[in-house]
Full PDB file with SEQRES, HELIX, SHEET, SSBOND, CRYST1, ORIGX, SCALE, CONECT and MASTER records, all heavy atoms in Angstrom:
SEQRES   1 A   38  TYR ALA CYS ALA ILE VAL LEU GLY VAL PHE VAL VAL ALA          
SEQRES   2 A   38  PRO LEU ALA TRP LEU VAL ILE MET SER ILE SER ASP THR          
SEQRES   3 A   38  ASN ASP LEU THR THR VAL PRO LEU ARG TRP ILE PRO              
HELIX    1 AA1 ALA A    2  ILE A   23  1                                  22    
HELIX    2 AA2 THR A   26  THR A   30  1                                   5    
CRYST1    1.000    1.000    1.000  90.00  90.00  90.00 P 1           1          
ORIGX1      1.000000  0.000000  0.000000        0.00000                         
ORIGX2      0.000000  1.000000  0.000000        0.00000                         
ORIGX3      0.000000  0.000000  1.000000        0.00000                         
SCALE1      1.000000  0.000000  0.000000        0.00000                         
SCALE2      0.000000  1.000000  0.000000        0.00000                         
SCALE3      0.000000  0.000000  1.000000        0.00000                         
ATOM      1  N   TYR A   1      37.457  69.732  -0.093  1.00  0.00           N  
ATOM      2  CA  TYR A   1      36.203  68.982  -0.050  1.00  0.00           C  
ATOM      3  C   TYR A   1      35.129  69.729   0.738  1.00  0.00           C  
ATOM      4  O   TYR A   1      33.945  69.688   0.375  1.00  0.00           O  
ATOM      5  CB  TYR A   1      36.425  67.585   0.532  1.00  0.00           C  
ATOM      6  CG  TYR A   1      37.056  66.642  -0.458  1.00  0.00           C  
ATOM      7  CD1 TYR A   1      38.344  66.162  -0.268  1.00  0.00           C  
ATOM      8  CD2 TYR A   1      36.372  66.236  -1.596  1.00  0.00           C  
ATOM      9  CE1 TYR A   1      38.931  65.304  -1.173  1.00  0.00           C  
ATOM     10  CE2 TYR A   1      36.946  65.379  -2.511  1.00  0.00           C  
ATOM     11  CZ  TYR A   1      38.224  64.916  -2.303  1.00  0.00           C  
ATOM     12  OH  TYR A   1      38.796  64.072  -3.212  1.00  0.00           O  
ATOM     13  N   ALA A   2      35.510  70.415   1.790  1.00  0.00           N  
ATOM     14  CA  ALA A   2      34.544  71.205   2.560  1.00  0.00           C  
ATOM     15  C   ALA A   2      33.967  72.322   1.698  1.00  0.00           C  
ATOM     16  O   ALA A   2      32.754  72.577   1.730  1.00  0.00           O  
ATOM     17  CB  ALA A   2      35.193  71.766   3.816  1.00  0.00           C  
ATOM     18  N   CYS A   3      34.812  72.978   0.918  1.00  0.00           N  
ATOM     19  CA  CYS A   3      34.327  74.032   0.013  1.00  0.00           C  
ATOM     20  C   CYS A   3      33.378  73.458  -1.031  1.00  0.00           C  
ATOM     21  O   CYS A   3      32.360  74.073  -1.360  1.00  0.00           O  
ATOM     22  CB  CYS A   3      35.499  74.737  -0.663  1.00  0.00           C  
ATOM     23  SG  CYS A   3      36.435  75.794   0.448  1.00  0.00           S  
ATOM     24  N   ALA A   4      33.702  72.279  -1.552  1.00  0.00           N  
ATOM     25  CA  ALA A   4      32.828  71.638  -2.543  1.00  0.00           C  
ATOM     26  C   ALA A   4      31.477  71.286  -1.927  1.00  0.00           C  
ATOM     27  O   ALA A   4      30.428  71.462  -2.562  1.00  0.00           O  
ATOM     28  CB  ALA A   4      33.500  70.393  -3.103  1.00  0.00           C  
ATOM     29  N   ILE A   5      31.476  70.827  -0.686  1.00  0.00           N  
ATOM     30  CA  ILE A   5      30.214  70.487  -0.016  1.00  0.00           C  
ATOM     31  C   ILE A   5      29.386  71.745   0.226  1.00  0.00           C  
ATOM     32  O   ILE A   5      28.168  71.758  -0.001  1.00  0.00           O  
ATOM     33  CB  ILE A   5      30.495  69.719   1.293  1.00  0.00           C  
ATOM     34  CG1 ILE A   5      31.013  68.325   0.962  1.00  0.00           C  
ATOM     35  CG2 ILE A   5      29.258  69.647   2.167  1.00  0.00           C  
ATOM     36  CD1 ILE A   5      31.541  67.552   2.150  1.00  0.00           C  
ATOM     37  N   VAL A   6      30.021  72.817   0.691  1.00  0.00           N  
ATOM     38  CA  VAL A   6      29.308  74.075   0.918  1.00  0.00           C  
ATOM     39  C   VAL A   6      28.715  74.594  -0.393  1.00  0.00           C  
ATOM     40  O   VAL A   6      27.551  75.025  -0.439  1.00  0.00           O  
ATOM     41  CB  VAL A   6      30.232  75.124   1.577  1.00  0.00           C  
ATOM     42  CG1 VAL A   6      29.608  76.499   1.554  1.00  0.00           C  
ATOM     43  CG2 VAL A   6      30.563  74.710   2.991  1.00  0.00           C  
ATOM     44  N   LEU A   7      29.487  74.548  -1.465  1.00  0.00           N  
ATOM     45  CA  LEU A   7      28.985  74.979  -2.767  1.00  0.00           C  
ATOM     46  C   LEU A   7      27.806  74.115  -3.204  1.00  0.00           C  
ATOM     47  O   LEU A   7      26.803  74.631  -3.711  1.00  0.00           O  
ATOM     48  CB  LEU A   7      30.102  74.935  -3.809  1.00  0.00           C  
ATOM     49  CG  LEU A   7      29.716  75.332  -5.220  1.00  0.00           C  
ATOM     50  CD1 LEU A   7      29.302  76.800  -5.269  1.00  0.00           C  
ATOM     51  CD2 LEU A   7      30.849  75.063  -6.170  1.00  0.00           C  
ATOM     52  N   GLY A   8      27.911  72.810  -2.993  1.00  0.00           N  
ATOM     53  CA  GLY A   8      26.816  71.912  -3.349  1.00  0.00           C  
ATOM     54  C   GLY A   8      25.544  72.226  -2.581  1.00  0.00           C  
ATOM     55  O   GLY A   8      24.443  72.202  -3.138  1.00  0.00           O  
ATOM     56  N   VAL A   9      25.687  72.535  -1.297  1.00  0.00           N  
ATOM     57  CA  VAL A   9      24.518  72.888  -0.483  1.00  0.00           C  
ATOM     58  C   VAL A   9      23.888  74.182  -0.993  1.00  0.00           C  
ATOM     59  O   VAL A   9      22.662  74.291  -1.100  1.00  0.00           O  
ATOM     60  CB  VAL A   9      24.907  72.994   1.007  1.00  0.00           C  
ATOM     61  CG1 VAL A   9      23.804  73.650   1.814  1.00  0.00           C  
ATOM     62  CG2 VAL A   9      25.225  71.622   1.566  1.00  0.00           C  
ATOM     63  N   PHE A  10      24.719  75.173  -1.331  1.00  0.00           N  
ATOM     64  CA  PHE A  10      24.187  76.435  -1.836  1.00  0.00           C  
ATOM     65  C   PHE A  10      23.484  76.262  -3.179  1.00  0.00           C  
ATOM     66  O   PHE A  10      22.556  77.001  -3.498  1.00  0.00           O  
ATOM     67  CB  PHE A  10      25.296  77.483  -1.973  1.00  0.00           C  
ATOM     68  CG  PHE A  10      25.527  78.261  -0.725  1.00  0.00           C  
ATOM     69  CD1 PHE A  10      26.611  77.971   0.080  1.00  0.00           C  
ATOM     70  CD2 PHE A  10      24.661  79.268  -0.338  1.00  0.00           C  
ATOM     71  CE1 PHE A  10      26.833  78.682   1.246  1.00  0.00           C  
ATOM     72  CE2 PHE A  10      24.866  79.976   0.830  1.00  0.00           C  
ATOM     73  CZ  PHE A  10      25.956  79.682   1.625  1.00  0.00           C  
ATOM     74  N   VAL A  11      23.891  75.288  -3.966  1.00  0.00           N  
ATOM     75  CA  VAL A  11      23.243  75.057  -5.257  1.00  0.00           C  
ATOM     76  C   VAL A  11      21.962  74.246  -5.086  1.00  0.00           C  
ATOM     77  O   VAL A  11      20.937  74.547  -5.698  1.00  0.00           O  
ATOM     78  CB  VAL A  11      24.221  74.347  -6.228  1.00  0.00           C  
ATOM     79  CG1 VAL A  11      23.513  73.860  -7.463  1.00  0.00           C  
ATOM     80  CG2 VAL A  11      25.357  75.282  -6.605  1.00  0.00           C  
ATOM     81  N   VAL A  12      21.989  73.234  -4.241  1.00  0.00           N  
ATOM     82  CA  VAL A  12      20.855  72.305  -4.119  1.00  0.00           C  
ATOM     83  C   VAL A  12      19.767  72.820  -3.184  1.00  0.00           C  
ATOM     84  O   VAL A  12      18.585  72.534  -3.404  1.00  0.00           O  
ATOM     85  CB  VAL A  12      21.367  70.915  -3.669  1.00  0.00           C  
ATOM     86  CG1 VAL A  12      20.232  69.971  -3.353  1.00  0.00           C  
ATOM     87  CG2 VAL A  12      22.255  70.323  -4.749  1.00  0.00           C  
ATOM     88  N   ALA A  13      20.118  73.598  -2.163  1.00  0.00           N  
ATOM     89  CA  ALA A  13      19.137  74.036  -1.167  1.00  0.00           C  
ATOM     90  C   ALA A  13      17.960  74.804  -1.767  1.00  0.00           C  
ATOM     91  O   ALA A  13      16.804  74.511  -1.425  1.00  0.00           O  
ATOM     92  CB  ALA A  13      19.824  74.848  -0.070  1.00  0.00           C  
ATOM     93  N   PRO A  14      18.167  75.779  -2.660  1.00  0.00           N  
ATOM     94  CA  PRO A  14      16.999  76.468  -3.226  1.00  0.00           C  
ATOM     95  C   PRO A  14      16.103  75.542  -4.048  1.00  0.00           C  
ATOM     96  O   PRO A  14      14.873  75.668  -4.005  1.00  0.00           O  
ATOM     97  CB  PRO A  14      17.609  77.553  -4.119  1.00  0.00           C  
ATOM     98  CG  PRO A  14      18.982  77.750  -3.613  1.00  0.00           C  
ATOM     99  CD  PRO A  14      19.413  76.425  -3.071  1.00  0.00           C  
ATOM    100  N   LEU A  15      16.695  74.598  -4.749  1.00  0.00           N  
ATOM    101  CA  LEU A  15      15.884  73.654  -5.525  1.00  0.00           C  
ATOM    102  C   LEU A  15      15.075  72.747  -4.600  1.00  0.00           C  
ATOM    103  O   LEU A  15      13.894  72.476  -4.853  1.00  0.00           O  
ATOM    104  CB  LEU A  15      16.779  72.825  -6.443  1.00  0.00           C  
ATOM    105  CG  LEU A  15      17.557  73.612  -7.490  1.00  0.00           C  
ATOM    106  CD1 LEU A  15      18.509  72.706  -8.239  1.00  0.00           C  
ATOM    107  CD2 LEU A  15      16.613  74.307  -8.447  1.00  0.00           C  
ATOM    108  N   ALA A  16      15.706  72.295  -3.521  1.00  0.00           N  
ATOM    109  CA  ALA A  16      14.984  71.461  -2.551  1.00  0.00           C  
ATOM    110  C   ALA A  16      13.850  72.248  -1.905  1.00  0.00           C  
ATOM    111  O   ALA A  16      12.754  71.716  -1.703  1.00  0.00           O  
ATOM    112  CB  ALA A  16      15.955  70.939  -1.489  1.00  0.00           C  
ATOM    113  N   TRP A  17      14.099  73.520  -1.600  1.00  0.00           N  
ATOM    114  CA  TRP A  17      13.058  74.353  -0.994  1.00  0.00           C  
ATOM    115  C   TRP A  17      11.891  74.533  -1.963  1.00  0.00           C  
ATOM    116  O   TRP A  17      10.722  74.515  -1.551  1.00  0.00           O  
ATOM    117  CB  TRP A  17      13.643  75.693  -0.571  1.00  0.00           C  
ATOM    118  CG  TRP A  17      12.618  76.625  -0.003  1.00  0.00           C  
ATOM    119  CD1 TRP A  17      12.259  77.831  -0.494  1.00  0.00           C  
ATOM    120  CD2 TRP A  17      11.805  76.416   1.151  1.00  0.00           C  
ATOM    121  NE1 TRP A  17      11.275  78.395   0.284  1.00  0.00           N  
ATOM    122  CE2 TRP A  17      10.979  77.532   1.303  1.00  0.00           C  
ATOM    123  CE3 TRP A  17      11.693  75.373   2.063  1.00  0.00           C  
ATOM    124  CZ2 TRP A  17      10.063  77.649   2.330  1.00  0.00           C  
ATOM    125  CZ3 TRP A  17      10.773  75.488   3.091  1.00  0.00           C  
ATOM    126  CH2 TRP A  17       9.973  76.621   3.216  1.00  0.00           C  
ATOM    127  N   LEU A  18      12.160  74.706  -3.243  1.00  0.00           N  
ATOM    128  CA  LEU A  18      11.079  74.831  -4.221  1.00  0.00           C  
ATOM    129  C   LEU A  18      10.240  73.563  -4.284  1.00  0.00           C  
ATOM    130  O   LEU A  18       9.006  73.623  -4.379  1.00  0.00           O  
ATOM    131  CB  LEU A  18      11.654  75.162  -5.598  1.00  0.00           C  
ATOM    132  CG  LEU A  18      12.163  76.576  -5.773  1.00  0.00           C  
ATOM    133  CD1 LEU A  18      12.849  76.724  -7.134  1.00  0.00           C  
ATOM    134  CD2 LEU A  18      11.032  77.572  -5.662  1.00  0.00           C  
ATOM    135  N   VAL A  19      10.887  72.404  -4.238  1.00  0.00           N  
ATOM    136  CA  VAL A  19      10.140  71.138  -4.271  1.00  0.00           C  
ATOM    137  C   VAL A  19       9.304  70.999  -3.005  1.00  0.00           C  
ATOM    138  O   VAL A  19       8.124  70.626  -3.066  1.00  0.00           O  
ATOM    139  CB  VAL A  19      11.106  69.948  -4.433  1.00  0.00           C  
ATOM    140  CG1 VAL A  19      10.396  68.632  -4.203  1.00  0.00           C  
ATOM    141  CG2 VAL A  19      11.744  69.975  -5.808  1.00  0.00           C  
ATOM    142  N   ILE A  20       9.884  71.324  -1.851  1.00  0.00           N  
ATOM    143  CA  ILE A  20       9.125  71.233  -0.595  1.00  0.00           C  
ATOM    144  C   ILE A  20       7.924  72.167  -0.622  1.00  0.00           C  
ATOM    145  O   ILE A  20       6.819  71.797  -0.218  1.00  0.00           O  
ATOM    146  CB  ILE A  20      10.047  71.533   0.608  1.00  0.00           C  
ATOM    147  CG1 ILE A  20      11.030  70.392   0.796  1.00  0.00           C  
ATOM    148  CG2 ILE A  20       9.237  71.751   1.877  1.00  0.00           C  
ATOM    149  CD1 ILE A  20      12.123  70.677   1.801  1.00  0.00           C  
ATOM    150  N   MET A  21       8.120  73.401  -1.111  1.00  0.00           N  
ATOM    151  CA  MET A  21       6.993  74.343  -1.181  1.00  0.00           C  
ATOM    152  C   MET A  21       5.917  73.863  -2.144  1.00  0.00           C  
ATOM    153  O   MET A  21       4.734  74.102  -1.930  1.00  0.00           O  
ATOM    154  CB  MET A  21       7.484  75.726  -1.626  1.00  0.00           C  
ATOM    155  CG  MET A  21       8.153  76.493  -0.530  1.00  0.00           C  
ATOM    156  SD  MET A  21       8.489  78.232  -0.882  1.00  0.00           S  
ATOM    157  CE  MET A  21       8.480  78.398  -2.608  1.00  0.00           C  
ATOM    158  N   SER A  22       6.327  73.200  -3.225  1.00  0.00           N  
ATOM    159  CA  SER A  22       5.334  72.795  -4.218  1.00  0.00           C  
ATOM    160  C   SER A  22       4.466  71.637  -3.750  1.00  0.00           C  
ATOM    161  O   SER A  22       3.361  71.459  -4.256  1.00  0.00           O  
ATOM    162  CB  SER A  22       6.021  72.434  -5.533  1.00  0.00           C  
ATOM    163  OG  SER A  22       6.690  71.195  -5.427  1.00  0.00           O  
ATOM    164  N   ILE A  23       4.950  70.849  -2.790  1.00  0.00           N  
ATOM    165  CA  ILE A  23       4.155  69.702  -2.329  1.00  0.00           C  
ATOM    166  C   ILE A  23       3.581  69.911  -0.929  1.00  0.00           C  
ATOM    167  O   ILE A  23       2.936  69.020  -0.394  1.00  0.00           O  
ATOM    168  CB  ILE A  23       4.987  68.397  -2.352  1.00  0.00           C  
ATOM    169  CG1 ILE A  23       6.188  68.493  -1.424  1.00  0.00           C  
ATOM    170  CG2 ILE A  23       5.383  68.027  -3.763  1.00  0.00           C  
ATOM    171  CD1 ILE A  23       6.954  67.199  -1.256  1.00  0.00           C  
ATOM    172  N   SER A  24       3.818  71.087  -0.335  1.00  0.00           N  
ATOM    173  CA  SER A  24       3.313  71.364   1.010  1.00  0.00           C  
ATOM    174  C   SER A  24       1.948  72.024   0.952  1.00  0.00           C  
ATOM    175  O   SER A  24       1.626  72.758   0.020  1.00  0.00           O  
ATOM    176  CB  SER A  24       4.272  72.284   1.762  1.00  0.00           C  
ATOM    177  OG  SER A  24       5.500  71.655   1.978  1.00  0.00           O  
ATOM    178  N   ASP A  25       1.171  71.786   1.993  1.00  0.00           N  
ATOM    179  CA  ASP A  25      -0.114  72.452   2.156  1.00  0.00           C  
ATOM    180  C   ASP A  25       0.150  73.903   2.575  1.00  0.00           C  
ATOM    181  O   ASP A  25       1.173  74.217   3.188  1.00  0.00           O  
ATOM    182  CB  ASP A  25      -0.918  71.726   3.225  1.00  0.00           C  
ATOM    183  CG  ASP A  25      -2.318  72.255   3.349  1.00  0.00           C  
ATOM    184  OD1 ASP A  25      -2.925  72.588   2.310  1.00  0.00           O  
ATOM    185  OD2 ASP A  25      -2.819  72.339   4.472  1.00  0.00           O  
ATOM    186  N   THR A  26      -0.761  74.799   2.270  1.00  0.00           N  
ATOM    187  CA  THR A  26      -0.597  76.210   2.612  1.00  0.00           C  
ATOM    188  C   THR A  26      -0.449  76.401   4.116  1.00  0.00           C  
ATOM    189  O   THR A  26       0.337  77.237   4.566  1.00  0.00           O  
ATOM    190  CB  THR A  26      -1.799  77.023   2.092  1.00  0.00           C  
ATOM    191  OG1 THR A  26      -1.960  76.752   0.707  1.00  0.00           O  
ATOM    192  CG2 THR A  26      -1.583  78.497   2.283  1.00  0.00           C  
ATOM    193  N   ASN A  27      -1.169  75.621   4.906  1.00  0.00           N  
ATOM    194  CA  ASN A  27      -1.055  75.733   6.367  1.00  0.00           C  
ATOM    195  C   ASN A  27       0.341  75.367   6.853  1.00  0.00           C  
ATOM    196  O   ASN A  27       0.850  75.965   7.800  1.00  0.00           O  
ATOM    197  CB  ASN A  27      -2.096  74.855   7.054  1.00  0.00           C  
ATOM    198  CG  ASN A  27      -3.499  75.354   6.789  1.00  0.00           C  
ATOM    199  OD1 ASN A  27      -3.717  76.536   6.570  1.00  0.00           O  
ATOM    200  ND2 ASN A  27      -4.447  74.443   6.786  1.00  0.00           N  
ATOM    201  N   ASP A  28       0.965  74.367   6.229  1.00  0.00           N  
ATOM    202  CA  ASP A  28       2.327  73.987   6.618  1.00  0.00           C  
ATOM    203  C   ASP A  28       3.323  75.093   6.314  1.00  0.00           C  
ATOM    204  O   ASP A  28       4.317  75.262   7.017  1.00  0.00           O  
ATOM    205  CB  ASP A  28       2.762  72.710   5.894  1.00  0.00           C  
ATOM    206  CG  ASP A  28       2.069  71.472   6.423  1.00  0.00           C  
ATOM    207  OD1 ASP A  28       1.560  71.520   7.558  1.00  0.00           O  
ATOM    208  OD2 ASP A  28       2.058  70.457   5.707  1.00  0.00           O  
ATOM    209  N   LEU A  29       3.081  75.852   5.260  1.00  0.00           N  
ATOM    210  CA  LEU A  29       4.016  76.905   4.858  1.00  0.00           C  
ATOM    211  C   LEU A  29       3.849  78.186   5.668  1.00  0.00           C  
ATOM    212  O   LEU A  29       4.752  79.017   5.693  1.00  0.00           O  
ATOM    213  CB  LEU A  29       3.847  77.220   3.375  1.00  0.00           C  
ATOM    214  CG  LEU A  29       4.223  76.107   2.408  1.00  0.00           C  
ATOM    215  CD1 LEU A  29       3.832  76.489   0.995  1.00  0.00           C  
ATOM    216  CD2 LEU A  29       5.691  75.794   2.498  1.00  0.00           C  
ATOM    217  N   THR A  30       2.686  78.359   6.305  1.00  0.00           N  
ATOM    218  CA  THR A  30       2.430  79.606   7.028  1.00  0.00           C  
ATOM    219  C   THR A  30       2.478  79.459   8.539  1.00  0.00           C  
ATOM    220  O   THR A  30       2.279  80.440   9.250  1.00  0.00           O  
ATOM    221  CB  THR A  30       1.056  80.185   6.621  1.00  0.00           C  
ATOM    222  OG1 THR A  30       0.056  79.199   6.856  1.00  0.00           O  
ATOM    223  CG2 THR A  30       1.052  80.600   5.164  1.00  0.00           C  
ATOM    224  N   THR A  31       2.732  78.260   9.040  1.00  0.00           N  
ATOM    225  CA  THR A  31       2.808  78.086  10.492  1.00  0.00           C  
ATOM    226  C   THR A  31       4.149  78.591  11.020  1.00  0.00           C  
ATOM    227  O   THR A  31       5.142  78.615  10.313  1.00  0.00           O  
ATOM    228  CB  THR A  31       2.659  76.606  10.889  1.00  0.00           C  
ATOM    229  OG1 THR A  31       3.686  75.861  10.255  1.00  0.00           O  
ATOM    230  CG2 THR A  31       1.307  76.070  10.530  1.00  0.00           C  
ATOM    231  N   VAL A  32       4.120  79.030  12.281  1.00  0.00           N  
ATOM    232  CA  VAL A  32       5.352  79.455  12.946  1.00  0.00           C  
ATOM    233  C   VAL A  32       5.517  78.572  14.162  1.00  0.00           C  
ATOM    234  O   VAL A  32       4.622  78.530  15.002  1.00  0.00           O  
ATOM    235  CB  VAL A  32       5.267  80.940  13.352  1.00  0.00           C  
ATOM    236  CG1 VAL A  32       6.496  81.355  14.134  1.00  0.00           C  
ATOM    237  CG2 VAL A  32       5.070  81.809  12.132  1.00  0.00           C  
ATOM    238  N   PRO A  33       6.575  77.846  14.315  1.00  0.00           N  
ATOM    239  CA  PRO A  33       7.728  77.725  13.429  1.00  0.00           C  
ATOM    240  C   PRO A  33       7.380  76.913  12.177  1.00  0.00           C  
ATOM    241  O   PRO A  33       6.462  76.092  12.179  1.00  0.00           O  
ATOM    242  CB  PRO A  33       8.766  76.994  14.269  1.00  0.00           C  
ATOM    243  CG  PRO A  33       7.964  76.197  15.244  1.00  0.00           C  
ATOM    244  CD  PRO A  33       6.720  77.010  15.497  1.00  0.00           C  
ATOM    245  N   LEU A  34       8.127  77.151  11.144  1.00  0.00           N  
ATOM    246  CA  LEU A  34       7.884  76.530   9.835  1.00  0.00           C  
ATOM    247  C   LEU A  34       8.060  75.020   9.896  1.00  0.00           C  
ATOM    248  O   LEU A  34       8.971  74.525  10.547  1.00  0.00           O  
ATOM    249  CB  LEU A  34       8.868  77.122   8.821  1.00  0.00           C  
ATOM    250  CG  LEU A  34       8.778  76.609   7.395  1.00  0.00           C  
ATOM    251  CD1 LEU A  34       7.465  77.034   6.772  1.00  0.00           C  
ATOM    252  CD2 LEU A  34       9.932  77.124   6.584  1.00  0.00           C  
ATOM    253  N   ARG A  35       7.166  74.316   9.244  1.00  0.00           N  
ATOM    254  CA  ARG A  35       7.300  72.861   9.119  1.00  0.00           C  
ATOM    255  C   ARG A  35       8.080  72.580   7.836  1.00  0.00           C  
ATOM    256  O   ARG A  35       7.580  72.808   6.737  1.00  0.00           O  
ATOM    257  CB  ARG A  35       5.930  72.198   9.032  1.00  0.00           C  
ATOM    258  CG  ARG A  35       5.187  72.196  10.312  1.00  0.00           C  
ATOM    259  CD  ARG A  35       3.980  71.275  10.221  1.00  0.00           C  
ATOM    260  NE  ARG A  35       3.157  71.473  11.392  1.00  0.00           N  
ATOM    261  CZ  ARG A  35       1.895  71.852  11.352  1.00  0.00           C  
ATOM    262  NH1 ARG A  35       1.305  72.051  10.209  1.00  0.00           N  
ATOM    263  NH2 ARG A  35       1.219  72.015  12.464  1.00  0.00           N  
ATOM    264  N   TRP A  36       9.305  72.100   7.977  1.00  0.00           N  
ATOM    265  CA  TRP A  36      10.158  71.849   6.816  1.00  0.00           C  
ATOM    266  C   TRP A  36       9.702  70.622   6.039  1.00  0.00           C  
ATOM    267  O   TRP A  36       9.822  70.594   4.812  1.00  0.00           O  
ATOM    268  CB  TRP A  36      11.610  71.662   7.256  1.00  0.00           C  
ATOM    269  CG  TRP A  36      12.217  72.941   7.724  1.00  0.00           C  
ATOM    270  CD1 TRP A  36      12.278  73.386   9.012  1.00  0.00           C  
ATOM    271  CD2 TRP A  36      12.802  73.966   6.923  1.00  0.00           C  
ATOM    272  NE1 TRP A  36      12.873  74.617   9.064  1.00  0.00           N  
ATOM    273  CE2 TRP A  36      13.217  74.993   7.793  1.00  0.00           C  
ATOM    274  CE3 TRP A  36      13.035  74.116   5.570  1.00  0.00           C  
ATOM    275  CZ2 TRP A  36      13.849  76.151   7.350  1.00  0.00           C  
ATOM    276  CZ3 TRP A  36      13.661  75.261   5.125  1.00  0.00           C  
ATOM    277  CH2 TRP A  36      14.061  76.259   6.006  1.00  0.00           C  
ATOM    278  N   ILE A  37       9.191  69.632   6.735  1.00  0.00           N  
ATOM    279  CA  ILE A  37       8.700  68.423   6.085  1.00  0.00           C  
ATOM    280  C   ILE A  37       7.172  68.452   6.164  1.00  0.00           C  
ATOM    281  O   ILE A  37       6.601  68.532   7.250  1.00  0.00           O  
ATOM    282  CB  ILE A  37       9.239  67.152   6.784  1.00  0.00           C  
ATOM    283  CG1 ILE A  37      10.766  67.183   6.876  1.00  0.00           C  
ATOM    284  CG2 ILE A  37       8.747  65.894   6.089  1.00  0.00           C  
ATOM    285  CD1 ILE A  37      11.473  67.193   5.536  1.00  0.00           C  
ATOM    286  N   PRO A  38       6.495  68.417   5.013  1.00  0.00           N  
ATOM    287  CA  PRO A  38       5.023  68.508   5.049  1.00  0.00           C  
ATOM    288  C   PRO A  38       4.399  67.283   5.713  1.00  0.00           C  
ATOM    289  O   PRO A  38       4.889  66.171   5.574  1.00  0.00           O  
ATOM    290  CB  PRO A  38       4.637  68.592   3.569  1.00  0.00           C  
ATOM    291  CG  PRO A  38       5.799  68.078   2.809  1.00  0.00           C  
ATOM    292  CD  PRO A  38       7.014  68.300   3.654  1.00  0.00           C  
TER     293      PRO A  38                                                      
MASTER        0    0    0    2    0    0    0    6  292    1    0    3          
END                                                                             
């Protein structure tokens, strides 16, 4: 089950990051430290 969860995270994380980037303001994406939630 741990392996299945790790695999699920590796599959879903890039898709979640794409959605977050698509709805974030440019300033949120370029600040340091990064704002994960817009």
